[in-house]
Amino acid sequence: MRRILTLAVICALVAPTLGFAAGSSALANLRANAKAGNVQAMFELGDSLDEGKDGETNDPEALSWFEKAAAKGNIDAAARAAYMYDEGEGTKIDDIKAAQLYLKAANGGNLSSQYNLALMYDNGEGVKTDDERARFWYKSAADKGHINAQYNLALMYDNGEGGPVDDRTAAKYYGLAADQGHSGAMYNLAIMNDEGEGMPENNNEAVRLYTMAAQTGHGNSMYNMAVMYRDADGVTADAGKSYYWYALAAKLDVEKAAEQRDRAALRLSAAQKAKLDIDANKFATAYFPAN
């Protein structure tokens, strides 16, 4: 079976709700309070200018206020400034400054910053690649429920990055991410159940997880479902269902899916194949992104 080992991507940051009222004079009031040294006002002024909440968008000024608030200990401001340096919003991309600010926010408990800092250590952006630190920060975020951190941490345990291979712990974090709807985690956990890695082999659970992931449009899960119906692995052999899943995987250009679909078609009548093609097209129309 095929395993997908792809890191999830950078996590955007969401501003917390603070106390200053919005309105036509809000921006002027925020500037006055910010210039007077009010740290919360500095943060909310940055947020307003970044998001255009009060009719004015100015990313460079937003970044300046976030940095001023961060220097006075505002963790959320440090997180927002880090993200702006990371993405080049209001400034040139500066991975070193982003990493420094993510570290400040991560140490203060900011969840998204813990995850984003882990990504930087994982990929060597703004810091030297350090799998041990990446694993540490992924775990910090994962244990607070961050779905992509759970998935990436599972990958590190699965591959022995930042420490020894640990299939049982990999399965734990794949499971946590799968419970939150992460299709890649469903797929990798299905493989572990299918092959008895980190747990006793459980083909029924593998089928359940492959099915869940396949129904979200996960191509390799579709392919593996087709294989299981072809080989009676955890399910009753069913040439029609095997063809159906191969056909869907082929629509996503999964390697060898079209070839296997055509082989499976040889075991069907023309009428059976026609009906299954209609069903596959309906599924694809409903769930696959338009080209």
Protein backbone atom coordinates (compact mmCIF):
# COMPACT_ATOMS: atom_id res chain seq x y z
CA MET A 1 0.00 0.00 0.00
CA ARG A 2 1.08 3.57 -0.61
CA ARG A 3 1.80 6.03 2.18
CA ILE A 4 1.60 9.78 1.74
CA LEU A 5 4.28 11.66 3.65
CA THR A 6 3.60 15.32 2.95
CA LEU A 7 3.88 18.14 5.45
CA ALA A 8 0.88 20.32 6.09
CA VAL A 9 1.32 24.01 5.34
CA ILE A 10 1.81 27.22 7.25
CA CYS A 11 -1.04 28.19 9.53
CA ALA A 12 -2.61 31.63 9.26
CA LEU A 13 -3.19 33.58 12.43
CA VAL A 14 -6.53 34.85 13.69
CA ALA A 15 -6.76 38.02 15.75
CA PRO A 16 -8.30 37.64 19.20
CA THR A 17 -11.26 39.81 20.12
CA LEU A 18 -10.15 42.83 22.11
CA GLY A 19 -11.88 45.68 23.87
CA PHE A 20 -11.75 48.77 21.66
CA ALA A 21 -14.98 49.65 19.87
CA ALA A 22 -15.19 49.92 16.10
CA GLY A 23 -16.62 52.96 14.38
CA SER A 24 -15.75 55.99 12.29
CA SER A 25 -13.52 57.43 15.01
CA ALA A 26 -12.06 54.09 16.06
CA LEU A 27 -8.85 54.45 14.08
CA ALA A 28 -8.13 57.94 15.45
CA ASN A 29 -8.80 56.73 18.99
CA LEU A 30 -6.59 53.70 18.51
CA ARG A 31 -3.74 55.84 17.17
CA ALA A 32 -4.00 58.20 20.08
CA ASN A 33 -4.01 55.40 22.64
CA ALA A 34 -1.24 53.52 20.86
CA LYS A 35 0.98 56.60 20.73
CA ALA A 36 0.30 57.09 24.43
CA GLY A 37 1.82 53.66 25.10
CA ASN A 38 -1.29 51.48 25.45
CA VAL A 39 -0.10 48.04 24.37
CA GLN A 40 -3.57 46.69 23.65
CA ALA A 41 -4.25 49.71 21.47
CA MET A 42 -1.00 49.09 19.59
CA PHE A 43 -2.11 45.59 18.86
CA GLU A 44 -5.63 46.50 17.82
CA LEU A 45 -4.40 49.36 15.66
CA GLY A 46 -2.11 46.91 13.88
CA ASP A 47 -5.01 44.50 13.49
CA SER A 48 -7.31 47.21 12.11
CA LEU A 49 -4.72 48.39 9.58
CA ASP A 50 -3.84 44.84 8.59
CA GLU A 51 -7.45 43.77 8.04
CA GLY A 52 -8.93 47.10 6.92
CA LYS A 53 -11.52 46.95 9.66
CA ASP A 54 -11.97 50.70 10.01
CA GLY A 55 -11.74 51.71 6.37
CA GLU A 56 -7.96 51.92 6.03
CA THR A 57 -5.46 49.22 5.09
CA ASN A 58 -1.76 49.83 5.66
CA ASP A 59 0.35 46.72 6.11
CA PRO A 60 3.70 48.48 6.75
CA GLU A 61 2.16 50.57 9.54
CA ALA A 62 0.32 47.52 10.87
CA LEU A 63 3.61 45.65 11.09
CA SER A 64 5.24 48.56 12.87
CA TRP A 65 2.54 48.59 15.56
CA PHE A 66 2.61 44.80 15.94
CA GLU A 67 6.38 44.97 16.49
CA LYS A 68 6.02 47.77 19.04
CA ALA A 69 3.40 45.79 20.95
CA ALA A 70 5.52 42.64 20.71
CA ALA A 71 8.49 44.49 22.17
CA LYS A 72 6.30 45.29 25.18
CA GLY A 73 5.38 41.63 25.66
CA ASN A 74 2.19 41.21 23.63
CA ILE A 75 2.35 37.61 22.45
CA ASP A 76 -0.42 37.91 19.88
CA ALA A 77 1.34 40.90 18.33
CA ALA A 78 4.56 38.90 18.08
CA ALA A 79 2.64 36.14 16.31
CA ARG A 80 1.07 38.57 13.83
CA ALA A 81 4.37 40.30 13.09
CA ALA A 82 6.05 36.93 12.58
CA TYR A 83 3.38 35.94 10.08
CA MET A 84 3.79 39.18 8.16
CA TYR A 85 7.55 38.66 7.87
CA ASP A 86 6.93 35.03 6.93
CA GLU A 87 4.51 35.92 4.13
CA GLY A 88 6.00 39.25 3.05
CA GLU A 89 2.99 41.35 4.07
CA GLY A 90 3.94 45.01 4.45
CA THR A 91 7.61 44.12 4.13
CA LYS A 92 9.98 41.85 2.30
CA ILE A 93 9.96 38.23 3.38
CA ASP A 94 12.42 37.83 6.23
CA ASP A 95 12.52 34.28 7.54
CA ILE A 96 15.05 35.11 10.24
CA LYS A 97 12.84 37.81 11.80
CA ALA A 98 9.81 35.58 11.35
CA ALA A 99 11.50 32.75 13.23
CA GLN A 100 12.62 35.06 16.04
CA LEU A 101 9.11 36.43 16.50
CA TYR A 102 7.47 33.01 16.19
CA LEU A 103 9.82 31.81 18.94
CA LYS A 104 8.77 34.67 21.20
CA ALA A 105 5.10 33.97 20.58
CA ALA A 106 5.54 30.20 20.83
CA ASN A 107 7.27 30.53 24.20
CA GLY A 108 4.28 32.61 25.28
CA GLY A 109 1.91 29.78 24.35
CA ASN A 110 0.60 31.00 20.97
CA LEU A 111 -0.65 27.85 19.27
CA SER A 112 -0.25 28.85 15.62
CA SER A 113 3.23 30.19 16.30
CA GLN A 114 4.28 26.90 17.87
CA TYR A 115 3.16 25.12 14.71
CA ASN A 116 4.71 27.65 12.33
CA LEU A 117 7.99 27.63 14.23
CA ALA A 118 8.04 23.83 14.00
CA LEU A 119 7.61 24.16 10.23
CA MET A 120 10.58 26.52 10.06
CA TYR A 121 12.81 24.11 11.98
CA ASP A 122 11.48 21.27 9.83
CA ASN A 123 12.25 23.06 6.55
CA GLY A 124 15.31 25.08 7.56
CA GLU A 125 13.64 28.45 6.95
CA GLY A 126 15.11 31.31 9.01
CA VAL A 127 16.85 28.76 11.22
CA LYS A 128 19.04 25.74 10.69
CA THR A 129 17.11 22.56 10.06
CA ASP A 130 16.61 20.91 13.44
CA ASP A 131 14.31 17.89 13.53
CA GLU A 132 14.46 17.61 17.32
CA ARG A 133 13.21 21.17 17.78
CA ALA A 134 10.66 20.70 15.04
CA ARG A 135 9.34 17.63 16.82
CA PHE A 136 9.27 19.52 20.14
CA TRP A 137 7.19 22.39 18.76
CA TYR A 138 4.90 20.16 16.71
CA LYS A 139 4.20 18.22 19.91
CA SER A 140 3.52 21.41 21.85
CA ALA A 141 0.89 22.42 19.30
CA ALA A 142 -0.39 18.89 18.69
CA ASP A 143 -1.10 18.29 22.36
CA LYS A 144 -3.26 21.43 22.34
CA GLY A 145 -5.32 20.05 19.43
CA HIS A 146 -3.68 21.61 16.36
CA ILE A 147 -4.69 19.26 13.54
CA ASN A 148 -1.77 19.92 11.18
CA ALA A 149 0.72 19.71 14.03
CA GLN A 150 -0.76 16.33 14.97
CA TYR A 151 -0.33 15.13 11.40
CA ASN A 152 3.22 16.45 10.96
CA LEU A 153 4.27 15.10 14.35
CA ALA A 154 2.91 11.70 13.35
CA LEU A 155 5.00 11.86 10.18
CA MET A 156 8.12 12.54 12.24
CA TYR A 157 7.48 9.57 14.51
CA ASP A 158 6.62 7.47 11.44
CA ASN A 159 9.89 8.36 9.67
CA GLY A 160 12.20 8.60 12.66
CA GLU A 161 12.85 12.33 12.21
CA GLY A 162 14.04 14.14 15.33
CA GLY A 163 14.17 10.87 17.23
CA PRO A 164 13.68 7.13 16.78
CA VAL A 165 10.86 5.60 14.75
CA ASP A 166 7.85 5.09 17.03
CA ASP A 167 4.94 3.49 15.20
CA ARG A 168 2.64 3.45 18.21
CA THR A 169 3.04 7.17 18.84
CA ALA A 170 2.75 7.89 15.12
CA ALA A 171 -0.54 6.00 15.10
CA LYS A 172 -1.74 7.97 18.14
CA TYR A 173 -1.21 11.34 16.47
CA TYR A 174 -2.50 10.16 13.08
CA GLY A 175 -5.60 9.10 14.98
CA LEU A 176 -6.02 12.47 16.64
CA ALA A 177 -5.70 14.27 13.31
CA ALA A 178 -7.99 11.75 11.60
CA ASP A 179 -10.64 12.35 14.26
CA GLN A 180 -10.56 16.01 13.26
CA GLY A 181 -11.04 15.14 9.58
CA HIS A 182 -7.48 15.12 8.19
CA SER A 183 -7.69 12.84 5.14
CA GLY A 184 -3.93 12.26 4.94
CA ALA A 185 -3.94 11.10 8.55
CA MET A 186 -6.88 8.78 7.85
CA TYR A 187 -4.96 7.32 4.94
CA ASN A 188 -1.67 6.77 6.78
CA LEU A 189 -3.46 5.31 9.80
CA ALA A 190 -5.37 2.99 7.46
CA ILE A 191 -2.06 1.72 6.11
CA MET A 192 -0.77 1.12 9.64
CA ASN A 193 -3.91 -0.91 10.42
CA ASP A 194 -3.64 -2.69 7.08
CA GLU A 195 -0.01 -3.69 7.65
CA GLY A 196 0.00 -4.07 11.44
CA GLU A 197 2.44 -1.24 12.14
CA GLY A 198 2.28 0.02 15.70
CA MET A 199 -0.80 -2.11 16.34
CA PRO A 200 -2.24 -5.53 15.52
CA GLU A 201 -3.30 -5.85 11.89
CA ASN A 202 -6.93 -4.79 11.53
CA ASN A 203 -8.23 -4.87 7.98
CA ASN A 204 -11.73 -3.86 8.99
CA GLU A 205 -10.43 -0.65 10.55
CA ALA A 206 -8.23 -0.07 7.51
CA VAL A 207 -11.28 -0.32 5.26
CA ARG A 208 -13.21 2.11 7.47
CA LEU A 209 -10.41 4.67 7.37
CA TYR A 210 -9.72 4.27 3.64
CA THR A 211 -13.42 4.74 3.00
CA MET A 212 -13.60 7.89 5.11
CA ALA A 213 -10.58 9.38 3.37
CA ALA A 214 -11.76 8.29 -0.08
CA GLN A 215 -15.10 9.97 0.51
CA THR A 216 -13.27 13.28 1.03
CA GLY A 217 -11.65 12.91 -2.39
CA HIS A 218 -8.32 11.38 -1.29
CA GLY A 219 -7.00 9.67 -4.40
CA ASN A 220 -4.60 7.14 -2.89
CA SER A 221 -7.29 5.99 -0.47
CA MET A 222 -9.54 5.37 -3.46
CA TYR A 223 -6.79 3.32 -5.07
CA ASN A 224 -6.23 1.24 -1.94
CA MET A 225 -9.97 0.66 -1.55
CA ALA A 226 -9.99 -0.68 -5.10
CA VAL A 227 -7.13 -3.03 -4.23
CA MET A 228 -8.93 -4.30 -1.13
CA TYR A 229 -12.13 -5.04 -3.07
CA ARG A 230 -10.07 -6.73 -5.76
CA ASP A 231 -8.14 -8.92 -3.30
CA ALA A 232 -10.89 -9.49 -0.70
CA ASP A 233 -8.65 -7.86 1.92
CA GLY A 234 -10.90 -6.91 4.83
CA VAL A 235 -13.97 -6.87 2.56
CA THR A 236 -15.83 -9.30 0.33
CA ALA A 237 -14.35 -9.34 -3.16
CA ASP A 238 -16.39 -7.11 -5.45
CA ALA A 239 -15.26 -6.47 -9.02
CA GLY A 240 -17.74 -3.61 -9.43
CA LYS A 241 -16.61 -1.72 -6.34
CA SER A 242 -12.99 -2.32 -7.29
CA TYR A 243 -13.63 -0.82 -10.72
CA TYR A 244 -15.53 2.12 -9.19
CA TRP A 245 -12.70 3.13 -6.88
CA TYR A 246 -10.05 2.64 -9.56
CA ALA A 247 -12.13 4.85 -11.87
CA LEU A 248 -12.31 7.61 -9.28
CA ALA A 249 -8.60 7.35 -8.51
CA ALA A 250 -7.88 7.58 -12.22
CA LYS A 251 -9.82 10.84 -12.41
CA LEU A 252 -7.30 12.23 -9.93
CA ASP A 253 -4.38 10.87 -11.98
CA VAL A 254 -3.28 8.46 -9.28
CA GLU A 255 -0.39 6.41 -10.66
CA LYS A 256 -1.47 3.15 -12.35
CA ALA A 257 -5.13 3.75 -11.47
CA ALA A 258 -6.22 4.03 -15.11
CA GLU A 259 -4.37 0.85 -16.01
CA GLN A 260 -5.94 -1.05 -13.13
CA ARG A 261 -9.37 0.41 -13.91
CA ASP A 262 -9.14 -0.96 -17.45
CA ARG A 263 -8.13 -4.38 -16.15
CA ALA A 264 -11.02 -4.37 -13.69
CA ALA A 265 -13.41 -3.47 -16.51
CA LEU A 266 -12.67 -6.82 -18.16
CA ARG A 267 -14.51 -8.53 -15.30
CA LEU A 268 -17.70 -6.50 -15.87
CA SER A 269 -20.47 -6.50 -18.41
CA ALA A 270 -20.93 -3.41 -20.57
CA ALA A 271 -24.09 -2.54 -18.62
CA GLN A 272 -22.34 -2.87 -15.26
CA LYS A 273 -19.46 -0.70 -16.41
CA ALA A 274 -21.81 1.96 -17.81
CA LYS A 275 -23.70 2.24 -14.52
CA LEU A 276 -20.50 2.42 -12.49
CA ASP A 277 -19.13 5.12 -14.78
CA ILE A 278 -22.28 7.17 -14.18
CA ASP A 279 -21.92 6.72 -10.42
CA ALA A 280 -18.22 7.66 -10.51
CA ASN A 281 -18.96 10.75 -12.58
CA LYS A 282 -21.64 11.85 -10.11
CA PHE A 283 -19.20 11.48 -7.23
CA ALA A 284 -16.47 13.34 -9.12
CA THR A 285 -18.83 16.19 -10.00
CA ALA A 286 -19.90 16.55 -6.38
CA TYR A 287 -16.55 16.22 -4.64
CA PHE A 288 -13.66 16.89 -7.01
CA PRO A 289 -12.45 20.46 -7.58
CA ALA A 290 -13.21 21.88 -11.02
CA ASN A 291 -10.27 22.01 -13.41
